[in-house]
N, C-alpha and C. Protein backbone atom coordinates (compact mmCIF):
# COMPACT_ATOMS: atom_id res chain seq x y z
N PRO A 1 79.47 109.48 105.10
CA PRO A 1 79.93 110.83 105.75
C PRO A 1 80.75 110.53 106.41
N GLN A 2 81.27 110.43 107.01
CA GLN A 2 82.33 110.41 108.96
C GLN A 2 82.13 111.23 109.62
N GLN A 3 81.60 110.80 110.73
CA GLN A 3 81.04 111.14 112.03
C GLN A 3 82.79 111.74 112.67
N ARG A 4 82.75 113.11 113.23
CA ARG A 4 84.12 113.44 113.75
C ARG A 4 84.18 113.31 114.79
N GLN A 5 85.08 113.07 115.94
CA GLN A 5 84.75 112.82 117.48
C GLN A 5 85.10 113.98 117.91
N PRO A 6 84.25 114.46 118.98
CA PRO A 6 84.06 116.17 119.74
C PRO A 6 85.51 115.75 120.41
N GLN A 7 86.06 116.97 120.11
CA GLN A 7 87.26 117.61 120.66
C GLN A 7 87.34 118.10 121.75
N GLN A 8 88.56 117.56 122.56
CA GLN A 8 88.59 117.71 124.03
C GLN A 8 89.50 119.26 124.20
N SER A 9 88.57 119.90 125.19
CA SER A 9 88.49 121.46 125.21
C SER A 9 90.17 121.90 126.10
N ALA A 10 90.78 120.84 127.20
CA ALA A 10 91.50 120.63 127.12
C ALA A 10 92.61 119.44 127.35
N PRO A 11 93.85 119.72 127.17
CA PRO A 11 94.59 118.12 127.35
C PRO A 11 94.82 117.70 128.61
N GLN A 12 94.67 116.72 128.44
CA GLN A 12 94.77 115.95 130.00
C GLN A 12 96.24 116.51 130.65
N GLN A 13 96.73 116.82 131.72
CA GLN A 13 97.48 117.10 132.78
C GLN A 13 98.57 115.61 132.48
N PRO A 14 100.21 115.70 132.79
CA PRO A 14 100.33 114.64 132.84
C PRO A 14 100.31 114.31 134.45
N GLN A 15 100.45 112.96 135.08
CA GLN A 15 100.43 112.33 136.59
C GLN A 15 101.65 113.30 137.40
N THR A 16 102.32 113.35 136.65
CA THR A 16 103.86 113.31 137.20
C THR A 16 104.85 114.83 136.65
N ASN A 17 105.32 115.18 136.93
CA ASN A 17 106.39 116.17 136.39
C ASN A 17 107.82 116.10 135.92
N PRO A 18 108.21 116.76 135.00
CA PRO A 18 109.33 116.14 134.22
C PRO A 18 110.53 115.76 134.87
N SER A 19 110.38 116.02 136.14
CA SER A 19 111.53 115.42 137.60
C SER A 19 111.20 114.38 137.92
N GLY A 20 109.58 113.91 137.69
CA GLY A 20 108.98 112.64 137.66
C GLY A 20 108.65 112.96 139.15
N ARG A 21 108.39 113.66 140.02
CA ARG A 21 107.85 114.40 141.23
C ARG A 21 106.24 114.01 140.93
N PRO A 22 105.20 113.67 141.86
CA PRO A 22 103.98 113.72 141.76
C PRO A 22 103.31 115.30 140.99
N ARG A 23 102.37 115.32 140.66
CA ARG A 23 101.85 116.28 140.24
C ARG A 23 101.13 117.15 141.42
N ASN A 24 100.90 118.59 141.98
CA ASN A 24 100.28 118.37 142.84
C ASN A 24 99.43 119.91 142.03
N PRO A 25 98.71 120.44 143.48
CA PRO A 25 97.46 121.50 142.37
C PRO A 25 98.45 123.14 142.51
N PHE A 26 99.27 123.29 143.40
CA PHE A 26 100.11 124.15 143.35
C PHE A 26 101.37 124.74 142.10
N ASP A 27 101.35 123.39 141.49
CA ASP A 27 102.43 123.07 140.03
C ASP A 27 101.48 124.11 139.15
N ASP A 28 100.36 124.04 138.94
CA ASP A 28 99.78 125.18 138.00
C ASP A 28 99.67 126.68 138.21
N ILE A 29 99.96 126.78 139.79
CA ILE A 29 99.82 127.98 140.38
C ILE A 29 101.37 128.78 139.78
N PHE A 30 102.08 128.02 140.44
CA PHE A 30 103.61 128.43 140.56
C PHE A 30 103.96 128.74 138.72
N GLY A 31 103.52 127.18 138.29
CA GLY A 31 103.94 127.29 136.85
C GLY A 31 103.56 128.85 135.92
N LYS A 32 102.37 128.93 135.92
CA LYS A 32 101.95 130.42 135.85
C LYS A 32 102.45 131.71 135.98
N MET A 33 102.90 131.52 137.36
CA MET A 33 103.82 132.74 137.80
C MET A 33 105.25 132.90 137.31
N PHE A 34 105.67 131.82 137.23
CA PHE A 34 107.37 131.75 136.58
C PHE A 34 107.18 132.02 134.85
N GLU A 35 105.57 131.81 134.41
CA GLU A 35 105.80 131.75 132.51
C GLU A 35 105.65 132.88 132.86
N THR A 36 104.46 133.95 133.37
CA THR A 36 104.63 135.19 133.15
C THR A 36 105.81 135.60 133.58
N GLY A 37 106.22 136.10 134.16
CA GLY A 37 107.89 136.73 134.57
C GLY A 37 108.91 136.39 133.73
N ALA A 38 108.74 135.23 132.74
CA ALA A 38 109.40 134.97 131.80
C ALA A 38 109.09 135.59 130.60
N GLN A 39 107.68 135.90 130.53
CA GLN A 39 107.48 136.87 128.97
C GLN A 39 107.78 137.74 129.36
N GLN A 40 107.21 138.33 130.94
CA GLN A 40 107.74 139.79 130.99
C GLN A 40 109.00 140.55 130.61
N ARG A 41 109.66 139.01 131.03
CA ARG A 41 111.55 139.69 131.18
C ARG A 41 112.23 139.34 129.51
N ASP A 42 110.94 138.34 128.54
CA ASP A 42 111.05 138.41 127.06
C ASP A 42 110.83 140.09 126.43
N GLU A 43 109.62 140.20 127.28
CA GLU A 43 109.27 141.34 126.81
C GLU A 43 109.94 143.06 127.16
N TYR A 44 110.52 143.07 128.44
CA TYR A 44 111.62 143.93 128.59
C TYR A 44 112.64 143.67 127.62
N GLN A 45 113.12 143.07 127.51
CA GLN A 45 114.51 143.06 126.91
C GLN A 45 114.24 143.46 125.12
N LYS A 46 113.21 142.92 124.75
CA LYS A 46 112.41 143.41 123.50
C LYS A 46 112.73 145.10 123.30
N GLY A 47 111.67 145.47 124.28
CA GLY A 47 111.53 146.93 124.36
C GLY A 47 113.13 147.67 124.76
N VAL A 48 114.14 147.18 125.38
CA VAL A 48 115.14 147.79 125.75
C VAL A 48 116.21 147.65 124.12
N GLU A 49 116.23 146.47 123.86
CA GLU A 49 116.64 146.39 122.61
C GLU A 49 116.22 147.25 121.50
N THR A 50 115.27 147.81 121.18
CA THR A 50 113.95 148.32 120.71
C THR A 50 115.02 150.20 120.55
N ILE A 51 115.42 150.00 121.69
CA ILE A 51 115.75 151.53 122.18
C ILE A 51 117.09 151.55 121.92
N PHE A 52 117.57 150.55 121.59
CA PHE A 52 119.33 150.75 122.03
C PHE A 52 119.72 150.81 120.40
N ASP A 53 118.63 149.66 119.65
CA ASP A 53 118.51 150.52 118.04
C ASP A 53 118.10 151.48 117.16
N GLN A 54 117.28 152.28 117.63
CA GLN A 54 116.69 153.37 117.40
C GLN A 54 118.24 154.15 117.82
N PHE A 55 118.16 154.30 118.69
CA PHE A 55 119.63 154.68 119.42
C PHE A 55 120.54 154.55 118.08
N LYS A 56 121.08 153.58 117.60
CA LYS A 56 122.46 152.80 117.13
C LYS A 56 122.36 153.91 115.70
N ARG A 57 120.90 153.40 115.04
CA ARG A 57 120.60 154.35 113.67
C ARG A 57 120.54 155.72 113.72
N ASP A 58 119.78 156.22 114.86
CA ASP A 58 119.92 157.93 115.20
C ASP A 58 121.43 158.04 114.86
N MET A 59 122.52 157.78 115.73
CA MET A 59 123.58 158.25 115.74
C MET A 59 124.74 157.92 114.42
N ASP A 60 124.28 156.61 113.54
CA ASP A 60 124.48 156.65 112.38
C ASP A 60 124.05 157.40 111.05
N ARG A 61 123.59 158.36 111.58
CA ARG A 61 122.96 159.58 110.60
C ARG A 61 123.64 160.18 110.64
N ARG A 62 124.60 160.50 112.17
CA ARG A 62 124.93 161.80 112.14
C ARG A 62 126.57 161.99 111.21
């Protein structure tokens, strides 16, 4: 039987950002903040689209 290597719980963070700037402790905080904002925006957009889809379906029935 082959021995399995233990898996790491979290991937290693890169030392630099995509822009080439060195990472700092604030990158994680602000990254999560902007990611959460983008996720809320996407959920809001889906909700608005659902409302308009329902409205359009109801108008097509008449």
